[in-house]
Amino acid sequence: MAVGSGAKPELERANRVQGNFSEYVPFALLLFAFVEFGGGAPWAVHGLCLILLGGRLSHAFGVSRMQESYKFRVARVAITISVLAFASALLLMRSIGPLL
């Protein structure tokens, strides 16, 4: 088979770990760049990056395991979504701040 996982569960999980990373991280990095170039505090950018890194590493570890705990998976996804939401909120506050 030239394409796909060949119905191997371990390979399918590894494929989803990589796919999930490539679905969320580029958007997060773009948001972080906008926050930094928009004058965001360095500690906020570094904090967001560290939280995202921790969430993504724990997600990769958890999803790649065959005996995965779904309650922890939900928590790891919530970390990623929270980082995206916080970075978006920082950008929105900066953009509407001069208008207020």
C-alpha atoms as a PDB file:
ATOM      1  CA  MET A   1       0.000   0.000   0.000  1.00  0.00           C
ATOM      2  CA  ALA A   2       1.512   3.292  -1.114  1.00  0.00           C
ATOM      3  CA  VAL A   3      -0.790   5.572   0.896  1.00  0.00           C
ATOM      4  CA  GLY A   4      -2.417   5.232   4.309  1.00  0.00           C
ATOM      5  CA  SER A   5      -1.647   3.343   7.476  1.00  0.00           C
ATOM      6  CA  GLY A   6      -2.328  -0.156   6.213  1.00  0.00           C
ATOM      7  CA  ALA A   7      -4.865  -0.686   9.020  1.00  0.00           C
ATOM      8  CA  LYS A   8      -2.127  -0.541  11.658  1.00  0.00           C
ATOM      9  CA  PRO A   9      -3.496   1.169  14.794  1.00  0.00           C
ATOM     10  CA  GLU A  10      -0.093   2.390  16.002  1.00  0.00           C
ATOM     11  CA  LEU A  11       0.644   4.033  12.673  1.00  0.00           C
ATOM     12  CA  GLU A  12      -2.843   5.539  12.504  1.00  0.00           C
ATOM     13  CA  ARG A  13      -2.350   7.102  15.953  1.00  0.00           C
ATOM     14  CA  ALA A  14       1.063   8.479  14.972  1.00  0.00           C
ATOM     15  CA  ASN A  15      -0.509   9.888  11.819  1.00  0.00           C
ATOM     16  CA  ARG A  16      -3.210  11.659  13.860  1.00  0.00           C
ATOM     17  CA  VAL A  17      -0.634  13.080  16.297  1.00  0.00           C
ATOM     18  CA  GLN A  18       1.223  14.675  13.408  1.00  0.00           C
ATOM     19  CA  GLY A  19      -1.991  15.732  11.672  1.00  0.00           C
ATOM     20  CA  ASN A  20      -3.412  17.345  14.796  1.00  0.00           C
ATOM     21  CA  PHE A  21      -0.146  19.218  15.343  1.00  0.00           C
ATOM     22  CA  SER A  22      -0.158  20.554  11.782  1.00  0.00           C
ATOM     23  CA  GLU A  23      -3.802  21.633  12.116  1.00  0.00           C
ATOM     24  CA  TYR A  24      -3.366  23.801  15.218  1.00  0.00           C
ATOM     25  CA  VAL A  25       0.245  24.891  15.681  1.00  0.00           C
ATOM     26  CA  PRO A  26       0.758  26.999  12.522  1.00  0.00           C
ATOM     27  CA  PHE A  27      -2.321  29.074  13.371  1.00  0.00           C
ATOM     28  CA  ALA A  28      -1.110  29.477  16.960  1.00  0.00           C
ATOM     29  CA  LEU A  29       2.349  30.577  15.805  1.00  0.00           C
ATOM     30  CA  LEU A  30       0.778  33.126  13.482  1.00  0.00           C
ATOM     31  CA  LEU A  31      -1.290  34.511  16.357  1.00  0.00           C
ATOM     32  CA  PHE A  32       1.820  34.657  18.559  1.00  0.00           C
ATOM     33  CA  ALA A  33       3.696  36.567  15.857  1.00  0.00           C
ATOM     34  CA  PHE A  34       0.837  39.077  15.591  1.00  0.00           C
ATOM     35  CA  VAL A  35       0.794  39.507  19.370  1.00  0.00           C
ATOM     36  CA  GLU A  36       4.561  40.071  19.437  1.00  0.00           C
ATOM     37  CA  PHE A  37       4.702  42.429  16.443  1.00  0.00           C
ATOM     38  CA  GLY A  38       1.680  44.270  17.789  1.00  0.00           C
ATOM     39  CA  GLY A  39       3.606  45.252  20.898  1.00  0.00           C
ATOM     40  CA  GLY A  40       2.513  42.463  23.218  1.00  0.00           C
ATOM     41  CA  ALA A  41       4.514  41.922  26.365  1.00  0.00           C
ATOM     42  CA  PRO A  42       7.362  39.438  25.928  1.00  0.00           C
ATOM     43  CA  TRP A  43       6.260  37.501  29.007  1.00  0.00           C
ATOM     44  CA  ALA A  44       2.813  37.000  27.438  1.00  0.00           C
ATOM     45  CA  VAL A  45       4.274  35.655  24.190  1.00  0.00           C
ATOM     46  CA  HIS A  46       6.697  33.384  26.039  1.00  0.00           C
ATOM     47  CA  GLY A  47       3.975  32.178  28.372  1.00  0.00           C
ATOM     48  CA  LEU A  48       1.643  31.366  25.494  1.00  0.00           C
ATOM     49  CA  CYS A  49       4.419  29.485  23.704  1.00  0.00           C
ATOM     50  CA  LEU A  50       5.331  27.459  26.786  1.00  0.00           C
ATOM     51  CA  ILE A  51       1.728  26.560  27.548  1.00  0.00           C
ATOM     52  CA  LEU A  52       1.145  25.524  23.933  1.00  0.00           C
ATOM     53  CA  LEU A  53       4.355  23.473  23.945  1.00  0.00           C
ATOM     54  CA  GLY A  54       3.326  21.672  27.122  1.00  0.00           C
ATOM     55  CA  GLY A  55      -0.155  20.997  25.821  1.00  0.00           C
ATOM     56  CA  ARG A  56       1.074  19.729  22.453  1.00  0.00           C
ATOM     57  CA  LEU A  57       3.751  17.481  23.993  1.00  0.00           C
ATOM     58  CA  SER A  58       1.281  15.940  26.416  1.00  0.00           C
ATOM     59  CA  HIS A  59      -1.266  15.552  23.600  1.00  0.00           C
ATOM     60  CA  ALA A  60       1.280  13.781  21.388  1.00  0.00           C
ATOM     61  CA  PHE A  61       2.260  11.474  24.232  1.00  0.00           C
ATOM     62  CA  GLY A  62      -1.329  10.688  25.167  1.00  0.00           C
ATOM     63  CA  VAL A  63      -2.747  10.151  21.692  1.00  0.00           C
ATOM     64  CA  SER A  64       0.174   7.971  20.595  1.00  0.00           C
ATOM     65  CA  ARG A  65      -0.541   5.499  23.413  1.00  0.00           C
ATOM     66  CA  MET A  66      -2.911   2.648  22.649  1.00  0.00           C
ATOM     67  CA  GLN A  67      -4.476   2.821  26.149  1.00  0.00           C
ATOM     68  CA  GLU A  68      -5.459   6.462  25.966  1.00  0.00           C
ATOM     69  CA  SER A  69      -7.430   8.212  28.692  1.00  0.00           C
ATOM     70  CA  TYR A  70     -10.033  10.394  27.003  1.00  0.00           C
ATOM     71  CA  LYS A  71     -10.551  12.695  29.984  1.00  0.00           C
ATOM     72  CA  PHE A  72      -6.911  13.762  29.708  1.00  0.00           C
ATOM     73  CA  ARG A  73      -7.286  14.143  25.946  1.00  0.00           C
ATOM     74  CA  VAL A  74     -10.115  16.601  26.506  1.00  0.00           C
ATOM     75  CA  ALA A  75      -7.939  18.556  28.946  1.00  0.00           C
ATOM     76  CA  ARG A  76      -5.053  18.686  26.445  1.00  0.00           C
ATOM     77  CA  VAL A  77      -7.340  19.930  23.680  1.00  0.00           C
ATOM     78  CA  ALA A  78      -8.754  22.522  26.083  1.00  0.00           C
ATOM     79  CA  ILE A  79      -5.222  23.802  26.725  1.00  0.00           C
ATOM     80  CA  THR A  80      -4.634  24.316  23.007  1.00  0.00           C
ATOM     81  CA  ILE A  81      -7.994  26.012  22.442  1.00  0.00           C
ATOM     82  CA  SER A  82      -7.476  28.226  25.509  1.00  0.00           C
ATOM     83  CA  VAL A  83      -4.097  29.397  24.230  1.00  0.00           C
ATOM     84  CA  LEU A  84      -5.637  30.232  20.841  1.00  0.00           C
ATOM     85  CA  ALA A  85      -8.519  32.071  22.516  1.00  0.00           C
ATOM     86  CA  PHE A  86      -6.231  34.041  24.844  1.00  0.00           C
ATOM     87  CA  ALA A  87      -3.936  35.108  21.992  1.00  0.00           C
ATOM     88  CA  SER A  88      -6.984  36.145  19.960  1.00  0.00           C
ATOM     89  CA  ALA A  89      -8.346  38.115  22.906  1.00  0.00           C
ATOM     90  CA  LEU A  90      -5.012  39.923  23.296  1.00  0.00           C
ATOM     91  CA  LEU A  91      -5.118  40.905  19.641  1.00  0.00           C
ATOM     92  CA  LEU A  92      -8.718  42.075  19.872  1.00  0.00           C
ATOM     93  CA  MET A  93      -8.025  44.154  22.970  1.00  0.00           C
ATOM     94  CA  ARG A  94      -5.064  45.814  21.256  1.00  0.00           C
ATOM     95  CA  SER A  95      -7.041  46.521  18.105  1.00  0.00           C
ATOM     96  CA  ILE A  96     -10.088  48.062  19.806  1.00  0.00           C
ATOM     97  CA  GLY A  97      -8.103  49.712  22.615  1.00  0.00           C
ATOM     98  CA  PRO A  98      -7.386  52.919  20.650  1.00  0.00           C
ATOM     99  CA  LEU A  99     -11.073  53.178  19.761  1.00  0.00           C
ATOM    100  CA  LEU A 100     -12.237  53.232  23.382  1.00  0.00           C
END
